[in-house]
């Protein structure tokens, strides 16, 4: 439950940050709204690219006949994703 709540909080914080970043770019620079969203989109895309790094190992987890090993693989990837979220 704690990891689920952390995920929700990360999404809310990221959304709030992107909104504030957009407003700041529009008001303090000569960037148009479209340019500000483009810059924000690039930043957000990078966040998701980095979040995706620990997940490729999950693609084969279901082939593992050992249920405990599957759970350990899922848990490891989830914790690594949370580690990335906390860094951002």
PDB file of N, CA and C in Angstrom:
ATOM      1  N   UNK A   1       0.830  -1.201   0.000  1.00  0.00           N
ATOM      2  CA  UNK A   1       0.000   0.000   0.000  1.00  0.00           C
ATOM      3  C   UNK A   1       0.869   1.257   0.000  1.00  0.00           C
ATOM      4  N   UNK A   2       1.976   1.193   0.746  1.00  0.00           N
ATOM      5  CA  UNK A   2       2.854   2.359   0.817  1.00  0.00           C
ATOM      6  C   UNK A   2       3.446   2.676  -0.557  1.00  0.00           C
ATOM      7  N   UNK A   3       3.859   1.643  -1.296  1.00  0.00           N
ATOM      8  CA  UNK A   3       4.412   1.887  -2.632  1.00  0.00           C
ATOM      9  C   UNK A   3       3.348   2.445  -3.567  1.00  0.00           C
ATOM     10  N   UNK A   4       2.115   1.964  -3.417  1.00  0.00           N
ATOM     11  CA  UNK A   4       1.022   2.494  -4.236  1.00  0.00           C
ATOM     12  C   UNK A   4       0.804   3.979  -3.937  1.00  0.00           C
ATOM     13  N   UNK A   5       0.800   4.328  -2.677  1.00  0.00           N
ATOM     14  CA  UNK A   5       0.647   5.733  -2.288  1.00  0.00           C
ATOM     15  C   UNK A   5       1.819   6.579  -2.786  1.00  0.00           C
ATOM     16  N   UNK A   6       3.031   6.037  -2.692  1.00  0.00           N
ATOM     17  CA  UNK A   6       4.196   6.764  -3.205  1.00  0.00           C
ATOM     18  C   UNK A   6       4.089   7.006  -4.705  1.00  0.00           C
ATOM     19  N   UNK A   7       3.584   6.029  -5.431  1.00  0.00           N
ATOM     20  CA  UNK A   7       3.395   6.187  -6.876  1.00  0.00           C
ATOM     21  C   UNK A   7       2.383   7.290  -7.169  1.00  0.00           C
ATOM     22  N   UNK A   8       1.278   7.271  -6.447  1.00  0.00           N
ATOM     23  CA  UNK A   8       0.262   8.306  -6.635  1.00  0.00           C
ATOM     24  C   UNK A   8       0.834   9.685  -6.316  1.00  0.00           C
ATOM     25  N   UNK A   9       1.558   9.788  -5.220  1.00  0.00           N
ATOM     26  CA  UNK A   9       2.153  11.070  -4.839  1.00  0.00           C
ATOM     27  C   UNK A   9       3.153  11.541  -5.879  1.00  0.00           C
ATOM     28  N   UNK A  10       3.922  10.633  -6.435  1.00  0.00           N
ATOM     29  CA  UNK A  10       4.902  11.012  -7.458  1.00  0.00           C
ATOM     30  C   UNK A  10       4.203  11.581  -8.691  1.00  0.00           C
ATOM     31  N   UNK A  11       3.109  10.950  -9.086  1.00  0.00           N
ATOM     32  CA  UNK A  11       2.353  11.437 -10.257  1.00  0.00           C
ATOM     33  C   UNK A  11       1.773  12.818  -9.961  1.00  0.00           C
ATOM     34  N   UNK A  12       1.212  13.000  -8.779  1.00  0.00           N
ATOM     35  CA  UNK A  12       0.647  14.299  -8.415  1.00  0.00           C
ATOM     36  C   UNK A  12       1.730  15.381  -8.358  1.00  0.00           C
ATOM     37  N   UNK A  13       2.876  15.051  -7.760  1.00  0.00           N
ATOM     38  CA  UNK A  13       3.977  16.013  -7.677  1.00  0.00           C
ATOM     39  C   UNK A  13       4.509  16.358  -9.062  1.00  0.00           C
ATOM     40  N   UNK A  14       4.625  15.350  -9.925  1.00  0.00           N
ATOM     41  CA  UNK A  14       5.119  15.589 -11.277  1.00  0.00           C
ATOM     42  C   UNK A  14       4.148  16.485 -12.049  1.00  0.00           C
ATOM     43  N   UNK A  15       2.869  16.230 -11.881  1.00  0.00           N
ATOM     44  CA  UNK A  15       1.856  17.041 -12.544  1.00  0.00           C
ATOM     45  C   UNK A  15       1.922  18.491 -12.064  1.00  0.00           C
ATOM     46  N   UNK A  16       2.037  18.670 -10.772  1.00  0.00           N
ATOM     47  CA  UNK A  16       2.135  20.012 -10.198  1.00  0.00           C
ATOM     48  C   UNK A  16       3.402  20.725 -10.664  1.00  0.00           C
ATOM     49  N   UNK A  17       4.504  19.982 -10.686  1.00  0.00           N
ATOM     50  CA  UNK A  17       5.772  20.555 -11.136  1.00  0.00           C
ATOM     51  C   UNK A  17       5.697  20.975 -12.601  1.00  0.00           C
ATOM     52  N   UNK A  18       5.108  20.135 -13.443  1.00  0.00           N
ATOM     53  CA  UNK A  18       5.004  20.461 -14.866  1.00  0.00           C
ATOM     54  C   UNK A  18       4.133  21.697 -15.073  1.00  0.00           C
ATOM     55  N   UNK A  19       3.065  21.814 -14.312  1.00  0.00           N
ATOM     56  CA  UNK A  19       2.190  22.977 -14.418  1.00  0.00           C
ATOM     57  C   UNK A  19       2.929  24.250 -13.997  1.00  0.00           C
ATOM     58  N   UNK A  20       3.653  24.179 -12.880  1.00  0.00           N
ATOM     59  CA  UNK A  20       4.410  25.342 -12.399  1.00  0.00           C
ATOM     60  C   UNK A  20       5.531  25.695 -13.376  1.00  0.00           C
ATOM     61  N   UNK A  21       6.204  24.676 -13.912  1.00  0.00           N
ATOM     62  CA  UNK A  21       7.287  24.892 -14.875  1.00  0.00           C
ATOM     63  C   UNK A  21       6.750  25.584 -16.123  1.00  0.00           C
ATOM     64  N   UNK A  22       5.598  25.122 -16.611  1.00  0.00           N
ATOM     65  CA  UNK A  22       4.967  25.733 -17.785  1.00  0.00           C
ATOM     66  C   UNK A  22       4.657  27.205 -17.519  1.00  0.00           C
ATOM     67  N   UNK A  23       4.019  27.480 -16.387  1.00  0.00           N
ATOM     68  CA  UNK A  23       3.654  28.869 -16.062  1.00  0.00           C
ATOM     69  C   UNK A  23       4.893  29.746 -15.942  1.00  0.00           C
ATOM     70  N   UNK A  24       5.937  29.216 -15.322  1.00  0.00           N
ATOM     71  CA  UNK A  24       7.171  29.991 -15.161  1.00  0.00           C
ATOM     72  C   UNK A  24       7.816  30.288 -16.511  1.00  0.00           C
ATOM     73  N   UNK A  25       7.861  29.303 -17.384  1.00  0.00           N
ATOM     74  CA  UNK A  25       8.445  29.521 -18.713  1.00  0.00           C
ATOM     75  C   UNK A  25       7.678  30.590 -19.489  1.00  0.00           C
ATOM     76  N   UNK A  26       6.362  30.514 -19.434  1.00  0.00           N
ATOM     77  CA  UNK A  26       5.543  31.466 -20.187  1.00  0.00           C
ATOM     78  C   UNK A  26       5.677  32.880 -19.631  1.00  0.00           C
ATOM     79  N   UNK A  27       5.744  33.014 -18.311  1.00  0.00           N
ATOM     80  CA  UNK A  27       5.769  34.357 -17.715  1.00  0.00           C
ATOM     81  C   UNK A  27       7.165  34.969 -17.627  1.00  0.00           C
ATOM     82  N   UNK A  28       8.211  34.152 -17.565  1.00  0.00           N
ATOM     83  CA  UNK A  28       9.549  34.723 -17.365  1.00  0.00           C
ATOM     84  C   UNK A  28      10.451  34.634 -18.593  1.00  0.00           C
ATOM     85  N   UNK A  29       9.959  34.031 -19.654  1.00  0.00           N
ATOM     86  CA  UNK A  29      10.775  33.939 -20.863  1.00  0.00           C
ATOM     87  C   UNK A  29       9.955  34.404 -22.057  1.00  0.00           C
ATOM     88  N   UNK A  30      10.565  34.383 -23.177  1.00  0.00           N
ATOM     89  CA  UNK A  30       9.855  34.762 -24.393  1.00  0.00           C
ATOM     90  C   UNK A  30       9.250  33.545 -25.093  1.00  0.00           C
ATOM     91  N   UNK A  31       9.198  32.428 -24.383  1.00  0.00           N
ATOM     92  CA  UNK A  31       8.648  31.199 -24.964  1.00  0.00           C
ATOM     93  C   UNK A  31       7.135  31.314 -25.102  1.00  0.00           C
ATOM     94  N   UNK A  32       6.634  30.809 -26.225  1.00  0.00           N
ATOM     95  CA  UNK A  32       5.183  30.740 -26.409  1.00  0.00           C
ATOM     96  C   UNK A  32       4.647  29.577 -25.582  1.00  0.00           C
ATOM     97  N   UNK A  33       3.330  29.504 -25.441  1.00  0.00           N
ATOM     98  CA  UNK A  33       2.748  28.390 -24.696  1.00  0.00           C
ATOM     99  C   UNK A  33       3.100  27.062 -25.344  1.00  0.00           C
ATOM    100  N   UNK A  34       3.070  27.022 -26.660  1.00  0.00           N
ATOM    101  CA  UNK A  34       3.414  25.792 -27.382  1.00  0.00           C
ATOM    102  C   UNK A  34       4.866  25.382 -27.119  1.00  0.00           C
ATOM    103  N   UNK A  35       5.772  26.345 -27.157  1.00  0.00           N
ATOM    104  CA  UNK A  35       7.183  26.048 -26.878  1.00  0.00           C
ATOM    105  C   UNK A  35       7.379  25.587 -25.432  1.00  0.00           C
ATOM    106  N   UNK A  36       6.661  26.210 -24.512  1.00  0.00           N
ATOM    107  CA  UNK A  36       6.768  25.824 -23.101  1.00  0.00           C
ATOM    108  C   UNK A  36       6.285  24.393 -22.899  1.00  0.00           C
ATOM    109  N   UNK A  37       5.183  24.024 -23.557  1.00  0.00           N
ATOM    110  CA  UNK A  37       4.698  22.645 -23.436  1.00  0.00           C
ATOM    111  C   UNK A  37       5.668  21.667 -24.095  1.00  0.00           C
ATOM    112  N   UNK A  38       6.272  22.082 -25.199  1.00  0.00           N
ATOM    113  CA  UNK A  38       7.263  21.215 -25.854  1.00  0.00           C
ATOM    114  C   UNK A  38       8.442  20.944 -24.926  1.00  0.00           C
ATOM    115  N   UNK A  39       8.930  21.980 -24.266  1.00  0.00           N
ATOM    116  CA  UNK A  39      10.058  21.821 -23.335  1.00  0.00           C
ATOM    117  C   UNK A  39       9.639  20.923 -22.157  1.00  0.00           C
ATOM    118  N   UNK A  40       8.464  21.175 -21.630  1.00  0.00           N
ATOM    119  CA  UNK A  40       7.958  20.346 -20.536  1.00  0.00           C
ATOM    120  C   UNK A  40       7.786  18.896 -20.967  1.00  0.00           C
ATOM    121  N   UNK A  41       7.319  18.696 -22.185  1.00  0.00           N
ATOM    122  CA  UNK A  41       7.146  17.343 -22.708  1.00  0.00           C
ATOM    123  C   UNK A  41       8.464  16.599 -22.827  1.00  0.00           C
ATOM    124  N   UNK A  42       9.505  17.304 -23.236  1.00  0.00           N
ATOM    125  CA  UNK A  42      10.837  16.691 -23.330  1.00  0.00           C
ATOM    126  C   UNK A  42      11.306  16.253 -21.945  1.00  0.00           C
ATOM    127  N   UNK A  43      11.105  17.106 -20.960  1.00  0.00           N
ATOM    128  CA  UNK A  43      11.503  16.765 -19.579  1.00  0.00           C
ATOM    129  C   UNK A  43      10.723  15.564 -19.075  1.00  0.00           C
ATOM    130  N   UNK A  44       9.428  15.557 -19.291  1.00  0.00           N
ATOM    131  CA  UNK A  44       8.576  14.465 -18.835  1.00  0.00           C
ATOM    132  C   UNK A  44       8.935  13.155 -19.541  1.00  0.00           C
ATOM    133  N   UNK A  45       9.212  13.238 -20.827  1.00  0.00           N
ATOM    134  CA  UNK A  45       9.614  12.054 -21.581  1.00  0.00           C
ATOM    135  C   UNK A  45      10.878  11.439 -20.987  1.00  0.00           C
ATOM    136  N   UNK A  46      11.823  12.287 -20.602  1.00  0.00           N
ATOM    137  CA  UNK A  46      13.068  11.796 -20.005  1.00  0.00           C
ATOM    138  C   UNK A  46      12.793  11.078 -18.684  1.00  0.00           C
ATOM    139  N   UNK A  47      11.897  11.611 -17.891  1.00  0.00           N
ATOM    140  CA  UNK A  47      11.537  10.964 -16.625  1.00  0.00           C
ATOM    141  C   UNK A  47      11.035   9.544 -16.902  1.00  0.00           C
ATOM    142  N   UNK A  48      10.136   9.389 -17.870  1.00  0.00           N
ATOM    143  CA  UNK A  48       9.594   8.075 -18.164  1.00  0.00           C
ATOM    144  C   UNK A  48      10.624   7.145 -18.799  1.00  0.00           C
ATOM    145  N   UNK A  49      11.546   7.689 -19.560  1.00  0.00           N
ATOM    146  CA  UNK A  49      12.629   6.863 -20.110  1.00  0.00           C
ATOM    147  C   UNK A  49      13.484   6.283 -18.989  1.00  0.00           C
ATOM    148  N   UNK A  50      13.798   7.092 -17.994  1.00  0.00           N
ATOM    149  CA  UNK A  50      14.613   6.632 -16.881  1.00  0.00           C
ATOM    150  C   UNK A  50      13.820   5.647 -16.008  1.00  0.00           C
ATOM    151  N   UNK A  51      12.522   5.891 -15.833  1.00  0.00           N
ATOM    152  CA  UNK A  51      11.682   4.978 -15.050  1.00  0.00           C
ATOM    153  C   UNK A  51      11.585   3.601 -15.712  1.00  0.00           C
ATOM    154  N   UNK A  52      11.724   3.575 -17.013  1.00  0.00           N
ATOM    155  CA  UNK A  52      11.586   2.324 -17.758  1.00  0.00           C
ATOM    156  C   UNK A  52      12.822   1.426 -17.637  1.00  0.00           C
ATOM    157  N   UNK A  53      13.941   1.957 -17.233  1.00  0.00           N
ATOM    158  CA  UNK A  53      15.202   1.208 -17.205  1.00  0.00           C
ATOM    159  C   UNK A  53      15.122  -0.119 -16.430  1.00  0.00           C
ATOM    160  N   UNK A  54      14.564  -0.166 -15.213  1.00  0.00           N
ATOM    161  CA  UNK A  54      14.557  -1.441 -14.492  1.00  0.00           C
ATOM    162  C   UNK A  54      13.518  -2.450 -14.985  1.00  0.00           C
ATOM    163  N   UNK A  55      12.657  -2.081 -15.895  1.00  0.00           N
ATOM    164  CA  UNK A  55      11.519  -2.928 -16.222  1.00  0.00           C
ATOM    165  C   UNK A  55      11.734  -4.012 -17.283  1.00  0.00           C
ATOM    166  N   UNK A  56      12.720  -3.938 -18.159  1.00  0.00           N
ATOM    167  CA  UNK A  56      12.839  -4.983 -19.190  1.00  0.00           C
ATOM    168  C   UNK A  56      12.947  -6.401 -18.629  1.00  0.00           C
ATOM    169  N   UNK A  57      13.533  -6.551 -17.469  1.00  0.00           N
ATOM    170  CA  UNK A  57      13.666  -7.890 -16.892  1.00  0.00           C
ATOM    171  C   UNK A  57      12.312  -8.500 -16.541  1.00  0.00           C
ATOM    172  N   UNK A  58      11.292  -7.666 -16.438  1.00  0.00           N
ATOM    173  CA  UNK A  58       9.965  -8.169 -16.096  1.00  0.00           C
ATOM    174  C   UNK A  58       9.323  -8.931 -17.245  1.00  0.00           C
ATOM    175  N   UNK A  59       9.755  -8.669 -18.470  1.00  0.00           N
ATOM    176  CA  UNK A  59       9.115  -9.303 -19.617  1.00  0.00           C
ATOM    177  C   UNK A  59       9.221 -10.822 -19.582  1.00  0.00           C
ATOM    178  N   UNK A  60      10.268 -11.349 -18.976  1.00  0.00           N
ATOM    179  CA  UNK A  60      10.441 -12.798 -18.897  1.00  0.00           C
ATOM    180  C   UNK A  60      10.050 -13.374 -17.538  1.00  0.00           C
ATOM    181  N   UNK A  61       9.616 -12.555 -16.636  1.00  0.00           N
ATOM    182  CA  UNK A  61       9.309 -13.031 -15.277  1.00  0.00           C
ATOM    183  C   UNK A  61       8.187 -14.059 -15.277  1.00  0.00           C
ATOM    184  N   UNK A  62       7.197 -13.904 -16.144  1.00  0.00           N
ATOM    185  CA  UNK A  62       6.077 -14.851 -16.155  1.00  0.00           C
ATOM    186  C   UNK A  62       6.494 -16.233 -16.646  1.00  0.00           C
ATOM    187  N   UNK A  63       7.618 -16.314 -17.351  1.00  0.00           N
ATOM    188  CA  UNK A  63       8.099 -17.613 -17.835  1.00  0.00           C
ATOM    189  C   UNK A  63       8.787 -18.412 -16.723  1.00  0.00           C
ATOM    190  N   UNK A  64       9.142 -17.739 -15.664  1.00  0.00           N
ATOM    191  CA  UNK A  64       9.794 -18.397 -14.538  1.00  0.00           C
ATOM    192  C   UNK A  64       8.758 -19.275 -13.825  1.00  0.00           C
ATOM    193  N   UNK A  65       9.039 -20.551 -13.715  1.00  0.00           N
ATOM    194  CA  UNK A  65       8.096 -21.473 -13.089  1.00  0.00           C
ATOM    195  C   UNK A  65       8.006 -21.322 -11.582  1.00  0.00           C
ATOM    196  N   UNK A  66       8.975 -20.677 -11.007  1.00  0.00           N
ATOM    197  CA  UNK A  66       9.011 -20.494  -9.555  1.00  0.00           C
ATOM    198  C   UNK A  66       8.276 -19.207  -9.188  1.00  0.00           C
ATOM    199  N   UNK A  67       7.143 -19.369  -8.534  1.00  0.00           N
ATOM    200  CA  UNK A  67       6.300 -18.218  -8.179  1.00  0.00           C
ATOM    201  C   UNK A  67       7.050 -17.245  -7.269  1.00  0.00           C
ATOM    202  N   UNK A  68       7.847 -17.784  -6.351  1.00  0.00           N
ATOM    203  CA  UNK A  68       8.606 -16.911  -5.458  1.00  0.00           C
ATOM    204  C   UNK A  68       9.620 -16.089  -6.244  1.00  0.00           C
ATOM    205  N   UNK A  69      10.233 -16.688  -7.230  1.00  0.00           N
ATOM    206  CA  UNK A  69      11.193 -15.977  -8.067  1.00  0.00           C
ATOM    207  C   UNK A  69      10.491 -14.891  -8.886  1.00  0.00           C
ATOM    208  N   UNK A  70       9.311 -15.196  -9.395  1.00  0.00           N
ATOM    209  CA  UNK A  70       8.516 -14.193 -10.127  1.00  0.00           C
ATOM    210  C   UNK A  70       8.228 -12.996  -9.232  1.00  0.00           C
ATOM    211  N   UNK A  71       7.749 -13.272  -8.032  1.00  0.00           N
ATOM    212  CA  UNK A  71       7.419 -12.196  -7.086  1.00  0.00           C
ATOM    213  C   UNK A  71       8.647 -11.372  -6.742  1.00  0.00           C
ATOM    214  N   UNK A  72       9.769 -12.040  -6.557  1.00  0.00           N
ATOM    215  CA  UNK A  72      11.009 -11.325  -6.244  1.00  0.00           C
ATOM    216  C   UNK A  72      11.416 -10.419  -7.402  1.00  0.00           C
ATOM    217  N   UNK A  73      11.262 -10.905  -8.623  1.00  0.00           N
ATOM    218  CA  UNK A  73      11.599 -10.095  -9.805  1.00  0.00           C
ATOM    219  C   UNK A  73      10.700  -8.869  -9.896  1.00  0.00           C
ATOM    220  N   UNK A  74       9.400  -9.073  -9.708  1.00  0.00           N
ATOM    221  CA  UNK A  74       8.463  -7.944  -9.734  1.00  0.00           C
ATOM    222  C   UNK A  74       8.774  -6.935  -8.632  1.00  0.00           C
ATOM    223  N   UNK A  75       9.021  -7.447  -7.454  1.00  0.00           N
ATOM    224  CA  UNK A  75       9.309  -6.570  -6.323  1.00  0.00           C
ATOM    225  C   UNK A  75      10.601  -5.786  -6.554  1.00  0.00           C
ATOM    226  N   UNK A  76      11.628  -6.436  -7.058  1.00  0.00           N
ATOM    227  CA  UNK A  76      12.903  -5.770  -7.336  1.00  0.00           C
ATOM    228  C   UNK A  76      12.688  -4.624  -8.325  1.00  0.00           C
ATOM    229  N   UNK A  77      11.979  -4.888  -9.424  1.00  0.00           N
ATOM    230  CA  UNK A  77      11.744  -3.851 -10.440  1.00  0.00           C
ATOM    231  C   UNK A  77      10.911  -2.711  -9.868  1.00  0.00           C
ATOM    232  N   UNK A  78       9.926  -3.036  -9.066  1.00  0.00           N
ATOM    233  CA  UNK A  78       9.089  -2.010  -8.450  1.00  0.00           C
ATOM    234  C   UNK A  78       9.904  -1.121  -7.525  1.00  0.00           C
ATOM    235  N   UNK A  79      10.745  -1.730  -6.719  1.00  0.00           N
ATOM    236  CA  UNK A  79      11.586  -0.947  -5.807  1.00  0.00           C
ATOM    237  C   UNK A  79      12.573  -0.077  -6.585  1.00  0.00           C
ATOM    238  N   UNK A  80      13.134  -0.621  -7.661  1.00  0.00           N
ATOM    239  CA  UNK A  80      14.054   0.172  -8.483  1.00  0.00           C
ATOM    240  C   UNK A  80      13.330   1.355  -9.127  1.00  0.00           C
ATOM    241  N   UNK A  81      12.099   1.139  -9.565  1.00  0.00           N
ATOM    242  CA  UNK A  81      11.301   2.237 -10.136  1.00  0.00           C
ATOM    243  C   UNK A  81      11.017   3.306  -9.084  1.00  0.00           C
ATOM    244  N   UNK A  82      10.710   2.875  -7.875  1.00  0.00           N
ATOM    245  CA  UNK A  82      10.467   3.831  -6.793  1.00  0.00           C
ATOM    246  C   UNK A  82      11.731   4.611  -6.448  1.00  0.00           C
ATOM    247  N   UNK A  83      12.854   3.954  -6.514  1.00  0.00           N
ATOM    248  CA  UNK A  83      14.130   4.627  -6.271  1.00  0.00           C
ATOM    249  C   UNK A  83      14.330   5.760  -7.292  1.00  0.00           C
ATOM    250  N   UNK A  84      14.020   5.479  -8.542  1.00  0.00           N
ATOM    251  CA  UNK A  84      14.118   6.492  -9.589  1.00  0.00           C
ATOM    252  C   UNK A  84      13.140   7.634  -9.327  1.00  0.00           C
ATOM    253  N   UNK A  85      11.902   7.281  -8.968  1.00  0.00           N
ATOM    254  CA  UNK A  85      10.904   8.321  -8.695  1.00  0.00           C
ATOM    255  C   UNK A  85      11.355   9.243  -7.571  1.00  0.00           C
ATOM    256  N   UNK A  86      11.952   8.672  -6.543  1.00  0.00           N
ATOM    257  CA  UNK A  86      12.414   9.478  -5.409  1.00  0.00           C
ATOM    258  C   UNK A  86      13.561  10.404  -5.822  1.00  0.00           C
ATOM    259  N   UNK A  87      14.391   9.943  -6.752  1.00  0.00           N
ATOM    260  CA  UNK A  87      15.488  10.784  -7.235  1.00  0.00           C
ATOM    261  C   UNK A  87      14.948  12.011  -7.972  1.00  0.00           C
ATOM    262  N   UNK A  88      13.881  11.799  -8.740  1.00  0.00           N
ATOM    263  CA  UNK A  88      13.289  12.930  -9.449  1.00  0.00           C
ATOM    264  C   UNK A  88      12.546  13.814  -8.481  1.00  0.00           C
TER     265      UNK A  88
END
